[in-house]
Amino acid sequence: MEKDVLALVEESHALNPGVFSLIRLLLLSNLAELGPDGSTYRELKAVLQLSDGALYSNLKALESMGYVNSSEVTLEGKQLKMYHITSEGKMEWERVKSWLLKFLNCGGEK
């Protein structure tokens, strides 16, 4: 058990700490699930039930890390911003997801 914890701590050093906020994890998870289709800002806001400020600042942070990119699309005559996970974002999400599963399993059975 102790070796598992030490290995888990060591492995955590390879993760990007900037990703570890609930909102950023939810965004990466959602965008990874949607794949190349991505999502509009409006859809992300509705699904995740976030304020404009929280959503905007976290999307910008993920964009600056290279994990998310955005593009403008016209839908029904309206300009909308689409967000997509990048290959780097997908890789980081997989690393984080794997580490979180190990973290949760590290406690053993209760």
N, C-alpha and C. Protein backbone atom coordinates (compact mmCIF):
# COMPACT_ATOMS: atom_id res chain seq x y z
N MET A 1 0.83 -1.20 0.00
CA MET A 1 0.00 0.00 0.00
C MET A 1 0.87 1.25 0.00
N GLU A 2 1.91 1.26 0.86
CA GLU A 2 2.78 2.44 0.94
C GLU A 2 3.48 2.69 -0.39
N LYS A 3 3.93 1.60 -1.05
CA LYS A 3 4.57 1.76 -2.36
C LYS A 3 3.60 2.33 -3.38
N ASP A 4 2.33 1.91 -3.29
CA ASP A 4 1.31 2.43 -4.20
C ASP A 4 1.15 3.94 -4.03
N VAL A 5 1.12 4.38 -2.79
CA VAL A 5 0.96 5.81 -2.50
C VAL A 5 2.16 6.58 -3.01
N LEU A 6 3.36 6.06 -2.76
CA LEU A 6 4.58 6.73 -3.22
C LEU A 6 4.62 6.79 -4.75
N ALA A 7 4.23 5.71 -5.41
CA ALA A 7 4.20 5.69 -6.87
C ALA A 7 3.17 6.69 -7.39
N LEU A 8 2.05 6.78 -6.70
CA LEU A 8 0.99 7.72 -7.08
C LEU A 8 1.47 9.16 -6.96
N VAL A 9 2.16 9.46 -5.88
CA VAL A 9 2.70 10.81 -5.67
C VAL A 9 3.73 11.12 -6.76
N GLU A 10 4.60 10.16 -7.04
CA GLU A 10 5.62 10.36 -8.07
C GLU A 10 4.98 10.60 -9.43
N GLU A 11 3.96 9.82 -9.74
CA GLU A 11 3.27 9.97 -11.03
C GLU A 11 2.54 11.31 -11.14
N SER A 12 2.10 11.84 -10.02
CA SER A 12 1.37 13.11 -10.03
C SER A 12 2.24 14.27 -10.51
N HIS A 13 3.55 14.13 -10.38
CA HIS A 13 4.45 15.21 -10.80
C HIS A 13 4.45 15.40 -12.32
N ALA A 14 4.01 14.38 -13.07
CA ALA A 14 3.96 14.48 -14.53
C ALA A 14 2.68 15.16 -15.02
N LEU A 15 1.73 15.39 -14.12
CA LEU A 15 0.46 16.01 -14.50
C LEU A 15 0.55 17.52 -14.45
N ASN A 16 -0.22 18.17 -15.28
CA ASN A 16 -0.27 19.64 -15.30
C ASN A 16 -1.19 20.12 -14.19
N PRO A 17 -0.67 20.79 -13.16
CA PRO A 17 -1.52 21.23 -12.05
C PRO A 17 -2.55 22.27 -12.46
N GLY A 18 -2.33 22.93 -13.59
CA GLY A 18 -3.29 23.93 -14.06
C GLY A 18 -4.63 23.33 -14.49
N VAL A 19 -4.65 22.02 -14.70
CA VAL A 19 -5.86 21.34 -15.13
C VAL A 19 -6.76 21.01 -13.94
N PHE A 20 -6.18 20.95 -12.75
CA PHE A 20 -6.91 20.44 -11.59
C PHE A 20 -7.84 21.46 -10.95
N SER A 21 -8.90 21.73 -11.66
CA SER A 21 -10.04 22.44 -11.08
C SER A 21 -11.25 21.68 -11.59
N LEU A 22 -12.30 21.64 -10.82
CA LEU A 22 -13.48 20.88 -11.22
C LEU A 22 -14.00 21.35 -12.57
N ILE A 23 -14.06 22.65 -12.78
CA ILE A 23 -14.58 23.17 -14.04
C ILE A 23 -13.71 22.74 -15.22
N ARG A 24 -12.40 22.81 -15.08
CA ARG A 24 -11.51 22.43 -16.18
C ARG A 24 -11.59 20.94 -16.46
N LEU A 25 -11.70 20.14 -15.40
CA LEU A 25 -11.85 18.70 -15.60
C LEU A 25 -13.17 18.39 -16.32
N LEU A 26 -14.24 19.07 -15.93
CA LEU A 26 -15.54 18.88 -16.59
C LEU A 26 -15.49 19.31 -18.05
N LEU A 27 -14.82 20.41 -18.33
CA LEU A 27 -14.69 20.87 -19.71
C LEU A 27 -13.91 19.87 -20.56
N LEU A 28 -12.77 19.41 -20.05
CA LEU A 28 -11.97 18.44 -20.80
C LEU A 28 -12.75 17.15 -21.02
N SER A 29 -13.42 16.69 -19.99
CA SER A 29 -14.21 15.46 -20.09
C SER A 29 -15.30 15.60 -21.15
N ASN A 30 -16.03 16.69 -21.09
CA ASN A 30 -17.13 16.94 -22.01
C ASN A 30 -16.62 17.04 -23.44
N LEU A 31 -15.58 17.83 -23.66
CA LEU A 31 -15.06 18.02 -25.01
C LEU A 31 -14.40 16.75 -25.55
N ALA A 32 -13.77 15.96 -24.68
CA ALA A 32 -13.18 14.69 -25.11
C ALA A 32 -14.28 13.73 -25.56
N GLU A 33 -15.38 13.72 -24.83
CA GLU A 33 -16.51 12.86 -25.17
C GLU A 33 -17.12 13.25 -26.52
N LEU A 34 -17.19 14.53 -26.80
CA LEU A 34 -17.79 15.01 -28.04
C LEU A 34 -16.88 14.81 -29.25
N GLY A 35 -15.59 14.68 -29.00
CA GLY A 35 -14.65 14.45 -30.08
C GLY A 35 -14.52 15.64 -31.01
N PRO A 36 -14.31 15.37 -32.31
CA PRO A 36 -14.03 16.45 -33.25
C PRO A 36 -15.20 17.42 -33.47
N ASP A 37 -16.41 17.01 -33.14
CA ASP A 37 -17.55 17.90 -33.32
C ASP A 37 -17.48 19.10 -32.39
N GLY A 38 -16.93 18.92 -31.20
CA GLY A 38 -16.83 20.02 -30.25
C GLY A 38 -18.19 20.48 -29.75
N SER A 39 -18.21 21.68 -29.21
CA SER A 39 -19.42 22.22 -28.61
C SER A 39 -19.40 23.73 -28.70
N THR A 40 -20.58 24.32 -28.76
CA THR A 40 -20.66 25.78 -28.73
C THR A 40 -20.53 26.25 -27.29
N TYR A 41 -20.19 27.49 -27.15
CA TYR A 41 -20.10 28.12 -25.83
C TYR A 41 -21.44 27.97 -25.11
N ARG A 42 -22.51 28.24 -25.83
CA ARG A 42 -23.86 28.19 -25.25
C ARG A 42 -24.20 26.77 -24.75
N GLU A 43 -23.82 25.76 -25.53
CA GLU A 43 -24.08 24.37 -25.13
C GLU A 43 -23.28 24.01 -23.87
N LEU A 44 -22.01 24.41 -23.84
CA LEU A 44 -21.19 24.12 -22.65
C LEU A 44 -21.77 24.80 -21.42
N LYS A 45 -22.20 26.03 -21.59
CA LYS A 45 -22.77 26.77 -20.46
C LYS A 45 -24.02 26.08 -19.93
N ALA A 46 -24.88 25.62 -20.83
CA ALA A 46 -26.12 24.97 -20.42
C ALA A 46 -25.87 23.61 -19.77
N VAL A 47 -25.02 22.81 -20.38
CA VAL A 47 -24.76 21.46 -19.87
C VAL A 47 -24.06 21.50 -18.52
N LEU A 48 -23.07 22.37 -18.39
CA LEU A 48 -22.28 22.42 -17.16
C LEU A 48 -22.85 23.38 -16.12
N GLN A 49 -23.87 24.14 -16.51
CA GLN A 49 -24.54 25.08 -15.62
C GLN A 49 -23.53 26.03 -14.95
N LEU A 50 -22.78 26.73 -15.81
CA LEU A 50 -21.75 27.65 -15.33
C LEU A 50 -22.13 29.08 -15.68
N SER A 51 -21.61 30.01 -14.89
CA SER A 51 -21.78 31.43 -15.22
C SER A 51 -20.88 31.75 -16.41
N ASP A 52 -21.18 32.86 -17.09
CA ASP A 52 -20.34 33.29 -18.20
C ASP A 52 -18.89 33.48 -17.77
N GLY A 53 -18.70 34.12 -16.62
CA GLY A 53 -17.35 34.39 -16.14
C GLY A 53 -16.55 33.13 -15.87
N ALA A 54 -17.18 32.17 -15.20
CA ALA A 54 -16.48 30.92 -14.88
C ALA A 54 -16.15 30.14 -16.15
N LEU A 55 -17.11 30.06 -17.06
CA LEU A 55 -16.88 29.31 -18.30
C LEU A 55 -15.81 29.99 -19.15
N TYR A 56 -15.94 31.28 -19.36
CA TYR A 56 -15.00 32.02 -20.21
C TYR A 56 -13.57 31.92 -19.68
N SER A 57 -13.38 32.18 -18.40
CA SER A 57 -12.02 32.19 -17.86
C SER A 57 -11.38 30.81 -17.90
N ASN A 58 -12.16 29.76 -17.68
CA ASN A 58 -11.60 28.41 -17.71
C ASN A 58 -11.34 27.93 -19.13
N LEU A 59 -12.20 28.30 -20.07
CA LEU A 59 -11.92 27.98 -21.48
C LEU A 59 -10.65 28.69 -21.95
N LYS A 60 -10.50 29.95 -21.56
CA LYS A 60 -9.29 30.71 -21.95
C LYS A 60 -8.04 30.08 -21.34
N ALA A 61 -8.13 29.63 -20.09
CA ALA A 61 -6.99 28.97 -19.45
C ALA A 61 -6.62 27.69 -20.20
N LEU A 62 -7.61 26.89 -20.55
CA LEU A 62 -7.35 25.65 -21.29
C LEU A 62 -6.82 25.95 -22.69
N GLU A 63 -7.29 27.02 -23.30
CA GLU A 63 -6.76 27.44 -24.61
C GLU A 63 -5.29 27.84 -24.49
N SER A 64 -4.96 28.59 -23.45
CA SER A 64 -3.57 29.04 -23.29
C SER A 64 -2.63 27.87 -23.01
N MET A 65 -3.15 26.78 -22.44
CA MET A 65 -2.34 25.57 -22.21
C MET A 65 -2.24 24.71 -23.47
N GLY A 66 -3.02 25.06 -24.49
CA GLY A 66 -3.00 24.29 -25.73
C GLY A 66 -3.91 23.07 -25.71
N TYR A 67 -4.81 22.98 -24.74
CA TYR A 67 -5.68 21.82 -24.61
C TYR A 67 -7.02 21.98 -25.32
N VAL A 68 -7.39 23.21 -25.62
CA VAL A 68 -8.66 23.52 -26.27
C VAL A 68 -8.39 24.57 -27.33
N ASN A 69 -9.09 24.47 -28.46
CA ASN A 69 -9.04 25.56 -29.43
C ASN A 69 -10.46 25.96 -29.78
N SER A 70 -10.59 27.13 -30.37
CA SER A 70 -11.91 27.64 -30.69
C SER A 70 -11.95 28.10 -32.14
N SER A 71 -13.15 28.13 -32.67
CA SER A 71 -13.36 28.62 -34.03
C SER A 71 -14.73 29.27 -34.10
N GLU A 72 -14.89 30.17 -35.06
CA GLU A 72 -16.17 30.85 -35.26
C GLU A 72 -16.95 30.10 -36.33
N VAL A 73 -18.24 29.89 -36.08
CA VAL A 73 -19.12 29.27 -37.06
C VAL A 73 -20.40 30.10 -37.16
N THR A 74 -21.05 30.02 -38.30
CA THR A 74 -22.33 30.68 -38.47
C THR A 74 -23.41 29.61 -38.49
N LEU A 75 -24.36 29.74 -37.58
CA LEU A 75 -25.46 28.79 -37.48
C LEU A 75 -26.76 29.56 -37.40
N GLU A 76 -27.63 29.30 -38.36
CA GLU A 76 -28.92 30.00 -38.43
C GLU A 76 -28.73 31.52 -38.40
N GLY A 77 -27.72 31.98 -39.13
CA GLY A 77 -27.46 33.41 -39.23
C GLY A 77 -26.76 34.03 -38.04
N LYS A 78 -26.39 33.23 -37.05
CA LYS A 78 -25.72 33.75 -35.85
C LYS A 78 -24.28 33.27 -35.80
N GLN A 79 -23.39 34.17 -35.38
CA GLN A 79 -21.99 33.81 -35.17
C GLN A 79 -21.86 33.14 -33.80
N LEU A 80 -21.36 31.92 -33.80
CA LEU A 80 -21.17 31.18 -32.55
C LEU A 80 -19.72 30.74 -32.44
N LYS A 81 -19.24 30.63 -31.23
CA LYS A 81 -17.89 30.14 -30.98
C LYS A 81 -17.97 28.66 -30.64
N MET A 82 -17.21 27.87 -31.37
CA MET A 82 -17.14 26.42 -31.15
C MET A 82 -15.83 26.11 -30.43
N TYR A 83 -15.88 25.18 -29.50
CA TYR A 83 -14.69 24.76 -28.77
C TYR A 83 -14.45 23.28 -29.03
N HIS A 84 -13.18 22.94 -29.23
CA HIS A 84 -12.76 21.58 -29.53
C HIS A 84 -11.57 21.24 -28.65
N ILE A 85 -11.48 19.97 -28.26
CA ILE A 85 -10.30 19.53 -27.53
C ILE A 85 -9.19 19.26 -28.55
N THR A 86 -7.97 19.61 -28.21
CA THR A 86 -6.83 19.36 -29.09
C THR A 86 -6.27 17.97 -28.79
N SER A 87 -5.36 17.50 -29.61
CA SER A 87 -4.73 16.20 -29.33
C SER A 87 -3.96 16.26 -28.01
N GLU A 88 -3.33 17.41 -27.72
CA GLU A 88 -2.63 17.57 -26.44
C GLU A 88 -3.62 17.54 -25.28
N GLY A 89 -4.78 18.16 -25.48
CA GLY A 89 -5.82 18.16 -24.46
C GLY A 89 -6.35 16.77 -24.19
N LYS A 90 -6.54 16.01 -25.25
CA LYS A 90 -7.02 14.63 -25.10
C LYS A 90 -5.99 13.78 -24.36
N MET A 91 -4.70 13.95 -24.71
CA MET A 91 -3.65 13.20 -24.02
C MET A 91 -3.60 13.56 -22.54
N GLU A 92 -3.69 14.86 -22.24
CA GLU A 92 -3.66 15.29 -20.84
C GLU A 92 -4.88 14.77 -20.09
N TRP A 93 -6.06 14.81 -20.72
CA TRP A 93 -7.27 14.29 -20.09
C TRP A 93 -7.10 12.80 -19.78
N GLU A 94 -6.54 12.03 -20.71
CA GLU A 94 -6.32 10.60 -20.47
C GLU A 94 -5.34 10.37 -19.32
N ARG A 95 -4.27 11.19 -19.26
CA ARG A 95 -3.31 11.07 -18.14
C ARG A 95 -3.99 11.38 -16.81
N VAL A 96 -4.75 12.46 -16.78
CA VAL A 96 -5.44 12.87 -15.55
C VAL A 96 -6.46 11.82 -15.14
N LYS A 97 -7.23 11.34 -16.10
CA LYS A 97 -8.26 10.34 -15.81
C LYS A 97 -7.63 9.07 -15.25
N SER A 98 -6.55 8.62 -15.86
CA SER A 98 -5.85 7.43 -15.38
C SER A 98 -5.32 7.63 -13.96
N TRP A 99 -4.73 8.80 -13.71
CA TRP A 99 -4.19 9.09 -12.39
C TRP A 99 -5.31 9.16 -11.36
N LEU A 100 -6.44 9.79 -11.69
CA LEU A 100 -7.56 9.89 -10.76
C LEU A 100 -8.12 8.51 -10.41
N LEU A 101 -8.20 7.61 -11.38
CA LEU A 101 -8.67 6.26 -11.10
C LEU A 101 -7.72 5.54 -10.15
N LYS A 102 -6.42 5.69 -10.36
CA LYS A 102 -5.44 5.10 -9.45
C LYS A 102 -5.57 5.71 -8.06
N PHE A 103 -5.75 7.02 -8.01
CA PHE A 103 -5.89 7.73 -6.74
C PHE A 103 -7.10 7.20 -5.97
N LEU A 104 -8.22 7.05 -6.66
CA LEU A 104 -9.43 6.56 -6.01
C LEU A 104 -9.29 5.11 -5.56
N ASN A 105 -8.56 4.30 -6.32
CA ASN A 105 -8.37 2.90 -5.96
C ASN A 105 -7.29 2.68 -4.92
N CYS A 106 -6.50 3.69 -4.66
CA CYS A 106 -5.36 3.56 -3.74
C CYS A 106 -5.82 3.35 -2.29
N GLY A 107 -6.99 3.83 -1.95
CA GLY A 107 -7.48 3.71 -0.58
C GLY A 107 -7.85 2.30 -0.18
N GLY A 108 -7.97 1.41 -1.14
CA GLY A 108 -8.35 0.04 -0.83
C GLY A 108 -9.81 -0.07 -0.46
N GLU A 109 -10.19 -1.24 -0.02
CA GLU A 109 -11.59 -1.48 0.35
C GLU A 109 -11.83 -1.05 1.76
N LYS A 110 -13.01 -0.54 2.00
CA LYS A 110 -13.38 -0.10 3.36
C LYS A 110 -14.37 -1.07 3.92
